[in-house]
Amino acid sequence: MLLSQYTPDLIECGCDEAGRGCLAGAVFAAAVVLPKDYHNEELNDSKQLTEHQRYLLRETIEHDAVAWAVASVSAKEIDETNILRASMHAMNLAIGQLSVVPELLLIDGNRFYNEGLIPYYTIVKGDGKYLSIAAASILAKTYRDDYMKELHQQYPQYGWESNKGYPTAAHYAALAQYGPTPFHRMTFKLTKQPAK
């Protein structure tokens, strides 16, 4: 069951990212502040929802949230730092764009590099436990999907409209045939490793 508040007396902000495991494209993150005592039984970890459900819930979240923001870090910057730091930086960017200043951050996962002074908790599988993190996971996922669909128009041979840049057999096959694009993460393994 999703809990709405970690500490009811503070302004909480849930944060999550999307696209860490992809071979191509930016990593996205979202930050969401929901109203106190907010309830929505349909809200869940974005991975547990259909694409249609995610986009419907995105509209609800953007309407109901006290504040929300989405940010991204490019494949180039991912290569210059690493995917973990880039994901954390995207979260910090999203937090910094909020129209209200949160008093506590709820971060999905077990690590966070805090670029500000706001206290935080890391929560493993938090997108299945806290509404604000679930909301952030939906925004990060849907905005990243939109971005990959746009990139697909430039590079249709990689199948990004369906695989969204993740490592699928078709994506590896396209890489073998056409090579990487400027949007591929060159520090990632872009060739399929043979089975042992």
N, C-alpha and C. Protein backbone atom coordinates (compact mmCIF):
# COMPACT_ATOMS: atom_id res chain seq x y z
N MET A 1 0.84 -1.20 0.00
CA MET A 1 0.00 0.00 0.00
C MET A 1 0.87 1.25 0.00
N LEU A 2 0.54 2.20 -0.86
CA LEU A 2 1.32 3.42 -0.95
C LEU A 2 0.98 4.37 0.19
N LEU A 3 2.01 4.90 0.83
CA LEU A 3 1.83 5.86 1.91
C LEU A 3 2.05 7.26 1.36
N SER A 4 1.24 8.20 1.80
CA SER A 4 1.31 9.54 1.21
C SER A 4 2.38 10.40 1.86
N GLN A 5 2.65 10.20 3.15
CA GLN A 5 3.59 11.10 3.82
C GLN A 5 4.59 10.31 4.66
N TYR A 6 5.86 10.68 4.54
CA TYR A 6 6.90 10.10 5.37
C TYR A 6 6.94 10.82 6.71
N THR A 7 6.88 12.14 6.66
CA THR A 7 6.79 12.99 7.86
C THR A 7 5.73 14.04 7.59
N PRO A 8 4.53 13.89 8.11
CA PRO A 8 3.39 14.74 7.74
C PRO A 8 3.57 16.22 8.02
N ASP A 9 4.50 16.59 8.93
CA ASP A 9 4.65 18.00 9.28
C ASP A 9 5.59 18.75 8.34
N LEU A 10 6.23 18.06 7.39
CA LEU A 10 7.17 18.70 6.48
C LEU A 10 6.65 18.68 5.04
N ILE A 11 7.13 19.63 4.25
CA ILE A 11 6.83 19.63 2.82
C ILE A 11 7.74 18.61 2.15
N GLU A 12 7.14 17.50 1.73
CA GLU A 12 7.92 16.40 1.14
C GLU A 12 7.95 16.49 -0.37
N CYS A 13 9.07 16.08 -0.92
CA CYS A 13 9.23 16.00 -2.37
C CYS A 13 9.72 14.61 -2.74
N GLY A 14 8.98 13.91 -3.59
CA GLY A 14 9.41 12.61 -4.09
C GLY A 14 10.23 12.78 -5.35
N CYS A 15 11.28 11.98 -5.50
CA CYS A 15 12.17 12.07 -6.66
C CYS A 15 12.45 10.68 -7.23
N ASP A 16 12.46 10.61 -8.54
CA ASP A 16 12.82 9.36 -9.22
C ASP A 16 13.39 9.68 -10.58
N GLU A 17 14.05 8.69 -11.18
CA GLU A 17 14.66 8.88 -12.50
C GLU A 17 14.16 7.83 -13.47
N ALA A 18 14.44 8.05 -14.74
CA ALA A 18 14.09 7.08 -15.78
C ALA A 18 15.20 7.08 -16.83
N GLY A 19 15.56 5.88 -17.27
CA GLY A 19 16.52 5.76 -18.36
C GLY A 19 17.94 5.44 -17.95
N ARG A 20 18.15 5.00 -16.72
CA ARG A 20 19.52 4.70 -16.29
C ARG A 20 20.13 3.55 -17.08
N GLY A 21 19.33 2.55 -17.40
CA GLY A 21 19.88 1.36 -18.06
C GLY A 21 19.89 1.42 -19.57
N CYS A 22 19.61 2.57 -20.14
CA CYS A 22 19.52 2.69 -21.60
C CYS A 22 20.90 2.79 -22.25
N LEU A 23 20.97 2.42 -23.51
CA LEU A 23 22.18 2.58 -24.30
C LEU A 23 22.25 3.95 -24.96
N ALA A 24 21.10 4.60 -25.08
CA ALA A 24 21.04 5.88 -25.80
C ALA A 24 20.10 6.84 -25.10
N GLY A 25 20.36 8.13 -25.33
CA GLY A 25 19.47 9.17 -24.84
C GLY A 25 19.83 9.67 -23.46
N ALA A 26 19.23 10.79 -23.12
CA ALA A 26 19.42 11.41 -21.81
C ALA A 26 18.77 10.58 -20.71
N VAL A 27 19.21 10.81 -19.50
CA VAL A 27 18.52 10.28 -18.33
C VAL A 27 17.63 11.40 -17.80
N PHE A 28 16.40 11.06 -17.42
CA PHE A 28 15.43 12.03 -16.95
C PHE A 28 15.15 11.81 -15.47
N ALA A 29 14.78 12.87 -14.79
CA ALA A 29 14.37 12.77 -13.39
C ALA A 29 13.23 13.73 -13.14
N ALA A 30 12.40 13.40 -12.16
CA ALA A 30 11.29 14.27 -11.79
C ALA A 30 11.25 14.44 -10.29
N ALA A 31 10.70 15.58 -9.88
CA ALA A 31 10.49 15.89 -8.48
C ALA A 31 9.04 16.34 -8.32
N VAL A 32 8.34 15.78 -7.32
CA VAL A 32 6.91 16.07 -7.16
C VAL A 32 6.59 16.33 -5.68
N VAL A 33 5.89 17.41 -5.45
CA VAL A 33 5.34 17.72 -4.12
C VAL A 33 3.83 17.57 -4.23
N LEU A 34 3.27 16.63 -3.49
CA LEU A 34 1.82 16.40 -3.49
C LEU A 34 1.17 17.09 -2.30
N PRO A 35 -0.13 17.36 -2.38
CA PRO A 35 -0.83 17.96 -1.23
C PRO A 35 -0.80 17.04 -0.02
N LYS A 36 -0.92 17.62 1.16
CA LYS A 36 -1.02 16.82 2.38
C LYS A 36 -2.24 15.91 2.30
N ASP A 37 -2.10 14.70 2.81
CA ASP A 37 -3.21 13.73 2.85
C ASP A 37 -3.74 13.39 1.46
N TYR A 38 -2.85 13.45 0.46
CA TYR A 38 -3.27 13.14 -0.91
C TYR A 38 -3.49 11.63 -1.05
N HIS A 39 -4.54 11.26 -1.78
CA HIS A 39 -4.83 9.86 -2.04
C HIS A 39 -5.16 9.67 -3.52
N ASN A 40 -4.62 8.62 -4.08
CA ASN A 40 -4.96 8.24 -5.45
C ASN A 40 -4.62 6.76 -5.58
N GLU A 41 -5.63 5.91 -5.59
CA GLU A 41 -5.42 4.47 -5.58
C GLU A 41 -4.83 3.96 -6.89
N GLU A 42 -4.90 4.75 -7.96
CA GLU A 42 -4.36 4.32 -9.25
C GLU A 42 -2.87 4.59 -9.36
N LEU A 43 -2.37 5.45 -8.49
CA LEU A 43 -0.97 5.85 -8.55
C LEU A 43 -0.08 4.71 -8.06
N ASN A 44 0.92 4.36 -8.88
CA ASN A 44 1.80 3.24 -8.55
C ASN A 44 3.12 3.44 -9.28
N ASP A 45 4.09 2.61 -8.95
CA ASP A 45 5.36 2.56 -9.67
C ASP A 45 5.08 2.51 -11.17
N SER A 46 5.73 3.39 -11.94
CA SER A 46 5.45 3.49 -13.37
C SER A 46 5.66 2.17 -14.10
N LYS A 47 6.58 1.33 -13.58
CA LYS A 47 6.86 0.05 -14.25
C LYS A 47 5.70 -0.93 -14.10
N GLN A 48 4.80 -0.67 -13.15
CA GLN A 48 3.65 -1.55 -12.93
C GLN A 48 2.42 -1.10 -13.72
N LEU A 49 2.55 -0.02 -14.49
CA LEU A 49 1.43 0.55 -15.22
C LEU A 49 1.60 0.39 -16.72
N THR A 50 0.50 0.41 -17.44
CA THR A 50 0.58 0.42 -18.90
C THR A 50 0.95 1.83 -19.36
N GLU A 51 1.38 1.93 -20.61
CA GLU A 51 1.72 3.24 -21.16
C GLU A 51 0.51 4.18 -21.10
N HIS A 52 -0.65 3.66 -21.45
CA HIS A 52 -1.87 4.46 -21.44
C HIS A 52 -2.17 4.97 -20.02
N GLN A 53 -2.03 4.09 -19.02
CA GLN A 53 -2.27 4.48 -17.63
C GLN A 53 -1.29 5.57 -17.19
N ARG A 54 -0.03 5.42 -17.60
CA ARG A 54 0.98 6.41 -17.21
C ARG A 54 0.63 7.80 -17.74
N TYR A 55 0.22 7.87 -18.99
CA TYR A 55 -0.07 9.19 -19.57
C TYR A 55 -1.34 9.81 -18.97
N LEU A 56 -2.33 8.98 -18.64
CA LEU A 56 -3.51 9.51 -17.95
C LEU A 56 -3.14 10.04 -16.57
N LEU A 57 -2.31 9.27 -15.86
CA LEU A 57 -1.90 9.70 -14.52
C LEU A 57 -1.00 10.92 -14.57
N ARG A 58 -0.21 11.08 -15.64
CA ARG A 58 0.62 12.28 -15.76
C ARG A 58 -0.26 13.54 -15.72
N GLU A 59 -1.37 13.51 -16.43
CA GLU A 59 -2.28 14.66 -16.43
C GLU A 59 -2.82 14.92 -15.02
N THR A 60 -3.18 13.84 -14.33
CA THR A 60 -3.71 13.98 -12.96
C THR A 60 -2.65 14.55 -12.03
N ILE A 61 -1.43 14.02 -12.11
CA ILE A 61 -0.34 14.48 -11.24
C ILE A 61 -0.06 15.95 -11.48
N GLU A 62 0.05 16.34 -12.74
CA GLU A 62 0.36 17.73 -13.05
C GLU A 62 -0.75 18.68 -12.59
N HIS A 63 -1.98 18.18 -12.58
CA HIS A 63 -3.11 18.99 -12.11
C HIS A 63 -3.15 19.06 -10.58
N ASP A 64 -2.90 17.93 -9.92
CA ASP A 64 -3.09 17.85 -8.47
C ASP A 64 -1.89 18.29 -7.65
N ALA A 65 -0.70 18.18 -8.20
CA ALA A 65 0.52 18.43 -7.43
C ALA A 65 0.61 19.89 -6.97
N VAL A 66 1.17 20.07 -5.80
CA VAL A 66 1.50 21.41 -5.32
C VAL A 66 2.59 22.01 -6.21
N ALA A 67 3.55 21.16 -6.59
CA ALA A 67 4.63 21.56 -7.49
C ALA A 67 5.22 20.31 -8.13
N TRP A 68 5.71 20.46 -9.36
CA TRP A 68 6.39 19.36 -10.03
C TRP A 68 7.39 19.92 -11.04
N ALA A 69 8.41 19.15 -11.33
CA ALA A 69 9.41 19.56 -12.31
C ALA A 69 10.08 18.32 -12.88
N VAL A 70 10.54 18.45 -14.13
CA VAL A 70 11.26 17.37 -14.82
C VAL A 70 12.55 17.95 -15.39
N ALA A 71 13.64 17.21 -15.27
CA ALA A 71 14.93 17.65 -15.80
C ALA A 71 15.64 16.45 -16.43
N SER A 72 16.65 16.75 -17.23
CA SER A 72 17.39 15.67 -17.90
C SER A 72 18.87 16.01 -17.97
N VAL A 73 19.67 14.96 -18.15
CA VAL A 73 21.12 15.09 -18.34
C VAL A 73 21.47 14.29 -19.58
N SER A 74 22.20 14.90 -20.49
CA SER A 74 22.46 14.33 -21.82
C SER A 74 23.37 13.12 -21.78
N ALA A 75 23.34 12.38 -22.89
CA ALA A 75 24.24 11.23 -23.04
C ALA A 75 25.70 11.67 -22.96
N LYS A 76 26.00 12.83 -23.52
CA LYS A 76 27.38 13.35 -23.47
C LYS A 76 27.84 13.55 -22.03
N GLU A 77 26.97 14.15 -21.21
CA GLU A 77 27.34 14.36 -19.81
C GLU A 77 27.39 13.05 -19.04
N ILE A 78 26.53 12.10 -19.40
CA ILE A 78 26.60 10.77 -18.79
C ILE A 78 27.99 10.17 -19.05
N ASP A 79 28.47 10.30 -20.28
CA ASP A 79 29.79 9.77 -20.63
C ASP A 79 30.91 10.51 -19.90
N GLU A 80 30.72 11.80 -19.66
CA GLU A 80 31.77 12.60 -19.02
C GLU A 80 31.85 12.34 -17.52
N THR A 81 30.75 11.95 -16.90
CA THR A 81 30.76 11.65 -15.46
C THR A 81 30.56 10.15 -15.30
N ASN A 82 29.37 9.74 -15.01
CA ASN A 82 28.93 8.35 -15.06
C ASN A 82 27.42 8.37 -14.87
N ILE A 83 26.78 7.26 -15.12
CA ILE A 83 25.31 7.25 -15.13
C ILE A 83 24.74 7.50 -13.74
N LEU A 84 25.40 7.02 -12.69
CA LEU A 84 24.88 7.26 -11.35
C LEU A 84 24.90 8.75 -11.01
N ARG A 85 26.04 9.39 -11.24
CA ARG A 85 26.15 10.82 -10.94
C ARG A 85 25.23 11.65 -11.83
N ALA A 86 25.10 11.24 -13.10
CA ALA A 86 24.21 11.96 -14.01
C ALA A 86 22.76 11.85 -13.55
N SER A 87 22.36 10.67 -13.09
CA SER A 87 21.00 10.48 -12.58
C SER A 87 20.74 11.35 -11.36
N MET A 88 21.70 11.38 -10.44
CA MET A 88 21.57 12.19 -9.25
C MET A 88 21.52 13.68 -9.60
N HIS A 89 22.35 14.07 -10.59
CA HIS A 89 22.36 15.48 -11.01
C HIS A 89 21.02 15.88 -11.61
N ALA A 90 20.43 14.98 -12.41
CA ALA A 90 19.12 15.25 -12.99
C ALA A 90 18.08 15.44 -11.89
N MET A 91 18.13 14.62 -10.83
CA MET A 91 17.22 14.79 -9.71
C MET A 91 17.41 16.16 -9.06
N ASN A 92 18.67 16.53 -8.82
CA ASN A 92 18.95 17.83 -8.22
C ASN A 92 18.46 18.98 -9.09
N LEU A 93 18.61 18.85 -10.40
CA LEU A 93 18.11 19.88 -11.31
C LEU A 93 16.60 20.01 -11.21
N ALA A 94 15.90 18.88 -11.16
CA ALA A 94 14.44 18.91 -11.05
C ALA A 94 14.02 19.56 -9.73
N ILE A 95 14.68 19.18 -8.64
CA ILE A 95 14.37 19.76 -7.33
C ILE A 95 14.54 21.28 -7.37
N GLY A 96 15.61 21.73 -8.01
CA GLY A 96 15.89 23.15 -8.09
C GLY A 96 14.90 23.95 -8.92
N GLN A 97 14.13 23.25 -9.78
CA GLN A 97 13.15 23.93 -10.62
C GLN A 97 11.76 24.02 -9.98
N LEU A 98 11.58 23.41 -8.82
CA LEU A 98 10.27 23.42 -8.17
C LEU A 98 9.85 24.84 -7.77
N SER A 99 8.56 25.09 -7.84
CA SER A 99 8.04 26.42 -7.48
C SER A 99 7.89 26.59 -5.97
N VAL A 100 8.02 25.51 -5.22
CA VAL A 100 8.06 25.59 -3.76
C VAL A 100 9.35 24.89 -3.30
N VAL A 101 9.84 25.29 -2.15
CA VAL A 101 11.07 24.69 -1.62
C VAL A 101 10.68 23.57 -0.66
N PRO A 102 11.01 22.32 -1.00
CA PRO A 102 10.67 21.22 -0.08
C PRO A 102 11.54 21.24 1.16
N GLU A 103 11.03 20.59 2.20
CA GLU A 103 11.76 20.50 3.46
C GLU A 103 12.37 19.12 3.67
N LEU A 104 11.93 18.15 2.87
CA LEU A 104 12.46 16.79 2.94
C LEU A 104 12.34 16.15 1.57
N LEU A 105 13.42 15.47 1.15
CA LEU A 105 13.43 14.76 -0.13
C LEU A 105 13.30 13.26 0.13
N LEU A 106 12.42 12.62 -0.63
CA LEU A 106 12.29 11.17 -0.61
C LEU A 106 12.84 10.67 -1.94
N ILE A 107 13.97 9.99 -1.89
CA ILE A 107 14.70 9.60 -3.10
C ILE A 107 14.52 8.10 -3.34
N ASP A 108 14.09 7.74 -4.54
CA ASP A 108 13.99 6.32 -4.87
C ASP A 108 15.39 5.74 -5.03
N GLY A 109 15.65 4.62 -4.36
CA GLY A 109 16.96 3.98 -4.48
C GLY A 109 17.70 3.97 -3.16
N ASN A 110 18.99 3.62 -3.24
CA ASN A 110 19.77 3.51 -2.00
C ASN A 110 20.93 4.50 -1.92
N ARG A 111 21.05 5.40 -2.94
CA ARG A 111 22.14 6.38 -2.92
C ARG A 111 21.63 7.71 -3.45
N PHE A 112 22.24 8.79 -2.96
CA PHE A 112 21.92 10.11 -3.48
C PHE A 112 23.10 11.04 -3.23
N TYR A 113 23.46 11.82 -4.25
CA TYR A 113 24.47 12.87 -4.11
C TYR A 113 23.71 14.19 -4.01
N ASN A 114 23.62 14.71 -2.81
CA ASN A 114 22.83 15.92 -2.56
C ASN A 114 23.64 17.15 -2.94
N GLU A 115 23.14 17.91 -3.90
CA GLU A 115 23.81 19.14 -4.32
C GLU A 115 23.28 20.36 -3.58
N GLY A 116 22.33 20.15 -2.69
CA GLY A 116 21.77 21.25 -1.90
C GLY A 116 21.83 20.94 -0.42
N LEU A 117 21.00 21.64 0.34
CA LEU A 117 21.02 21.52 1.79
C LEU A 117 19.77 20.85 2.35
N ILE A 118 18.85 20.44 1.48
CA ILE A 118 17.59 19.85 1.94
C ILE A 118 17.85 18.43 2.45
N PRO A 119 17.40 18.08 3.64
CA PRO A 119 17.58 16.71 4.14
C PRO A 119 16.85 15.71 3.25
N TYR A 120 17.34 14.48 3.27
CA TYR A 120 16.73 13.47 2.40
C TYR A 120 16.79 12.08 3.03
N TYR A 121 15.90 11.24 2.54
CA TYR A 121 15.94 9.80 2.82
C TYR A 121 16.02 9.09 1.49
N THR A 122 16.83 8.03 1.42
CA THR A 122 16.80 7.14 0.26
C THR A 122 15.94 5.94 0.63
N ILE A 123 15.09 5.52 -0.30
CA ILE A 123 14.13 4.46 -0.03
C ILE A 123 14.16 3.46 -1.17
N VAL A 124 14.65 2.26 -0.91
CA VAL A 124 14.71 1.21 -1.92
C VAL A 124 13.28 0.84 -2.34
N LYS A 125 13.05 0.80 -3.64
CA LYS A 125 11.73 0.54 -4.21
C LYS A 125 10.69 1.53 -3.68
N GLY A 126 11.14 2.76 -3.49
CA GLY A 126 10.27 3.80 -2.98
C GLY A 126 9.11 4.14 -3.89
N ASP A 127 9.28 3.87 -5.19
CA ASP A 127 8.19 4.17 -6.13
C ASP A 127 6.99 3.24 -5.92
N GLY A 128 7.16 2.19 -5.16
CA GLY A 128 6.05 1.32 -4.81
C GLY A 128 5.57 1.52 -3.39
N LYS A 129 6.15 2.52 -2.68
CA LYS A 129 5.82 2.74 -1.27
C LYS A 129 5.25 4.13 -0.98
N TYR A 130 5.71 5.13 -1.71
CA TYR A 130 5.32 6.51 -1.43
C TYR A 130 4.74 7.17 -2.67
N LEU A 131 3.60 7.82 -2.48
CA LEU A 131 2.88 8.40 -3.60
C LEU A 131 3.71 9.44 -4.35
N SER A 132 4.45 10.26 -3.62
CA SER A 132 5.21 11.31 -4.28
C SER A 132 6.31 10.73 -5.17
N ILE A 133 6.93 9.63 -4.72
CA ILE A 133 7.96 8.99 -5.55
C ILE A 133 7.31 8.31 -6.75
N ALA A 134 6.16 7.66 -6.52
CA ALA A 134 5.44 7.04 -7.64
C ALA A 134 5.07 8.08 -8.69
N ALA A 135 4.61 9.24 -8.22
CA ALA A 135 4.26 10.32 -9.14
C ALA A 135 5.48 10.78 -9.92
N ALA A 136 6.61 10.91 -9.24
CA ALA A 136 7.85 11.32 -9.91
C ALA A 136 8.28 10.28 -10.94
N SER A 137 8.10 8.99 -10.61
CA SER A 137 8.50 7.94 -11.55
C SER A 137 7.66 8.02 -12.83
N ILE A 138 6.39 8.36 -12.69
CA ILE A 138 5.51 8.46 -13.87
C ILE A 138 5.90 9.66 -14.73
N LEU A 139 6.17 10.79 -14.11
CA LEU A 139 6.57 11.96 -14.89
C LEU A 139 7.91 11.73 -15.58
N ALA A 140 8.88 11.19 -14.86
CA ALA A 140 10.19 10.95 -15.47
C ALA A 140 10.08 9.99 -16.65
N LYS A 141 9.32 8.92 -16.46
CA LYS A 141 9.16 7.90 -17.51
C LYS A 141 8.45 8.46 -18.74
N THR A 142 7.34 9.16 -18.55
CA THR A 142 6.57 9.63 -19.70
C THR A 142 7.29 10.74 -20.46
N TYR A 143 7.95 11.63 -19.74
CA TYR A 143 8.69 12.69 -20.44
C TYR A 143 9.90 12.12 -21.18
N ARG A 144 10.53 11.11 -20.60
CA ARG A 144 11.64 10.49 -21.33
C ARG A 144 11.14 9.72 -22.56
N ASP A 145 10.00 9.04 -22.41
CA ASP A 145 9.43 8.33 -23.56
C ASP A 145 9.11 9.30 -24.69
N ASP A 146 8.56 10.46 -24.36
CA ASP A 146 8.27 11.48 -25.39
C ASP A 146 9.55 11.90 -26.10
N TYR A 147 10.60 12.10 -25.32
CA TYR A 147 11.90 12.50 -25.87
C TYR A 147 12.47 11.43 -26.81
N MET A 148 12.37 10.16 -26.42
CA MET A 148 12.89 9.09 -27.27
C MET A 148 12.06 8.93 -28.54
N LYS A 149 10.77 9.17 -28.45
CA LYS A 149 9.93 9.12 -29.65
C LYS A 149 10.32 10.23 -30.63
N GLU A 150 10.69 11.39 -30.10
CA GLU A 150 11.16 12.47 -30.97
C GLU A 150 12.49 12.10 -31.62
N LEU A 151 13.41 11.51 -30.85
CA LEU A 151 14.68 11.08 -31.42
C LEU A 151 14.48 10.00 -32.48
N HIS A 152 13.46 9.18 -32.29
CA HIS A 152 13.15 8.13 -33.27
C HIS A 152 12.88 8.72 -34.65
N GLN A 153 12.33 9.91 -34.71
CA GLN A 153 12.06 10.54 -36.00
C GLN A 153 13.36 10.82 -36.75
N GLN A 154 14.44 11.09 -36.02
CA GLN A 154 15.74 11.33 -36.65
C GLN A 154 16.47 10.03 -36.96
N TYR A 155 16.29 9.03 -36.13
CA TYR A 155 17.04 7.77 -36.25
C TYR A 155 16.08 6.58 -36.15
N PRO A 156 15.21 6.40 -37.14
CA PRO A 156 14.17 5.36 -37.04
C PRO A 156 14.72 3.93 -37.03
N GLN A 157 15.94 3.74 -37.52
CA GLN A 157 16.46 2.37 -37.64
C GLN A 157 16.74 1.70 -36.30
N TYR A 158 16.78 2.48 -35.21
CA TYR A 158 17.12 1.90 -33.91
C TYR A 158 15.90 1.46 -33.10
N GLY A 159 14.72 1.76 -33.58
CA GLY A 159 13.50 1.31 -32.91
C GLY A 159 13.22 1.99 -31.59
N TRP A 160 13.65 3.24 -31.45
CA TRP A 160 13.51 3.92 -30.16
C TRP A 160 12.06 4.21 -29.80
N GLU A 161 11.16 4.21 -30.77
CA GLU A 161 9.76 4.45 -30.43
C GLU A 161 9.20 3.32 -29.58
N SER A 162 9.81 2.13 -29.69
CA SER A 162 9.34 1.00 -28.88
C SER A 162 10.32 0.62 -27.78
N ASN A 163 11.63 0.58 -28.06
CA ASN A 163 12.57 0.16 -27.01
C ASN A 163 13.06 1.31 -26.14
N LYS A 164 12.78 2.55 -26.55
CA LYS A 164 13.11 3.75 -25.78
C LYS A 164 14.60 3.85 -25.44
N GLY A 165 15.43 3.18 -26.24
CA GLY A 165 16.87 3.24 -26.00
C GLY A 165 17.42 2.13 -25.14
N TYR A 166 16.55 1.26 -24.64
CA TYR A 166 17.02 0.16 -23.80
C TYR A 166 17.71 -0.92 -24.65
N PRO A 167 18.51 -1.77 -24.03
CA PRO A 167 19.27 -2.77 -24.77
C PRO A 167 18.43 -3.98 -25.17
N THR A 168 17.82 -3.90 -26.33
CA THR A 168 17.06 -5.01 -26.90
C THR A 168 17.87 -5.65 -28.03
N ALA A 169 17.46 -6.83 -28.45
CA ALA A 169 18.16 -7.50 -29.56
C ALA A 169 18.12 -6.65 -30.82
N ALA A 170 16.97 -6.02 -31.10
CA ALA A 170 16.85 -5.18 -32.29
C ALA A 170 17.75 -3.96 -32.21
N HIS A 171 17.88 -3.39 -31.01
CA HIS A 171 18.74 -2.22 -30.82
C HIS A 171 20.20 -2.60 -31.05
N TYR A 172 20.62 -3.72 -30.49
CA TYR A 172 22.00 -4.19 -30.72
C TYR A 172 22.24 -4.48 -32.20
N ALA A 173 21.25 -5.07 -32.87
CA ALA A 173 21.40 -5.38 -34.29
C ALA A 173 21.55 -4.10 -35.11
N ALA A 174 20.78 -3.07 -34.77
CA ALA A 174 20.90 -1.79 -35.47
C ALA A 174 22.26 -1.15 -35.23
N LEU A 175 22.75 -1.25 -34.00
CA LEU A 175 24.08 -0.73 -33.69
C LEU A 175 25.16 -1.44 -34.50
N ALA A 176 25.02 -2.77 -34.63
CA ALA A 176 26.00 -3.54 -35.40
C ALA A 176 25.98 -3.13 -36.87
N GLN A 177 24.80 -2.81 -37.38
CA GLN A 177 24.66 -2.47 -38.80
C GLN A 177 25.00 -1.01 -39.10
N TYR A 178 24.54 -0.10 -38.24
CA TYR A 178 24.66 1.33 -38.55
C TYR A 178 25.67 2.08 -37.67
N GLY A 179 26.11 1.46 -36.58
CA GLY A 179 27.00 2.14 -35.66
C GLY A 179 26.24 3.08 -34.73
N PRO A 180 26.93 3.70 -33.79
CA PRO A 180 26.26 4.57 -32.82
C PRO A 180 25.91 5.94 -33.40
N THR A 181 24.92 6.56 -32.78
CA THR A 181 24.51 7.93 -33.12
C THR A 181 25.14 8.89 -32.12
N PRO A 182 25.00 10.20 -32.33
CA PRO A 182 25.48 11.15 -31.32
C PRO A 182 24.74 11.05 -30.00
N PHE A 183 23.62 10.30 -29.97
CA PHE A 183 22.84 10.18 -28.75
C PHE A 183 23.13 8.89 -28.00
N HIS A 184 24.01 8.06 -28.51
CA HIS A 184 24.39 6.85 -27.79
C HIS A 184 25.40 7.18 -26.69
N ARG A 185 25.35 6.38 -25.63
CA ARG A 185 26.27 6.53 -24.51
C ARG A 185 27.50 5.70 -24.80
N MET A 186 28.56 6.37 -25.16
CA MET A 186 29.75 5.67 -25.65
C MET A 186 30.50 4.92 -24.56
N THR A 187 30.23 5.23 -23.30
CA THR A 187 30.88 4.51 -22.21
C THR A 187 30.11 3.23 -21.84
N PHE A 188 28.96 3.01 -22.50
CA PHE A 188 28.20 1.79 -22.28
C PHE A 188 28.62 0.72 -23.28
N LYS A 189 28.35 -0.53 -22.98
CA LYS A 189 28.65 -1.62 -23.91
C LYS A 189 27.61 -1.62 -25.02
N LEU A 190 28.02 -1.21 -26.20
CA LEU A 190 27.10 -1.06 -27.32
C LEU A 190 27.09 -2.26 -28.25
N THR A 191 27.80 -3.30 -27.87
CA THR A 191 27.75 -4.54 -28.64
C THR A 191 27.24 -5.65 -27.74
N LYS A 192 26.42 -6.51 -28.32
CA LYS A 192 25.86 -7.63 -27.57
C LYS A 192 26.95 -8.64 -27.27
N GLN A 193 27.09 -8.96 -25.98
CA GLN A 193 28.10 -9.93 -25.58
C GLN A 193 27.62 -11.35 -25.90
N PRO A 194 28.47 -12.18 -26.54
CA PRO A 194 28.04 -13.54 -26.85
C PRO A 194 27.80 -14.36 -25.58
N ALA A 195 26.82 -15.23 -25.65
CA ALA A 195 26.51 -16.08 -24.51
C ALA A 195 27.65 -17.06 -24.25
N LYS A 196 27.95 -17.30 -22.98
CA LYS A 196 29.03 -18.23 -22.63
C LYS A 196 28.49 -19.61 -22.35
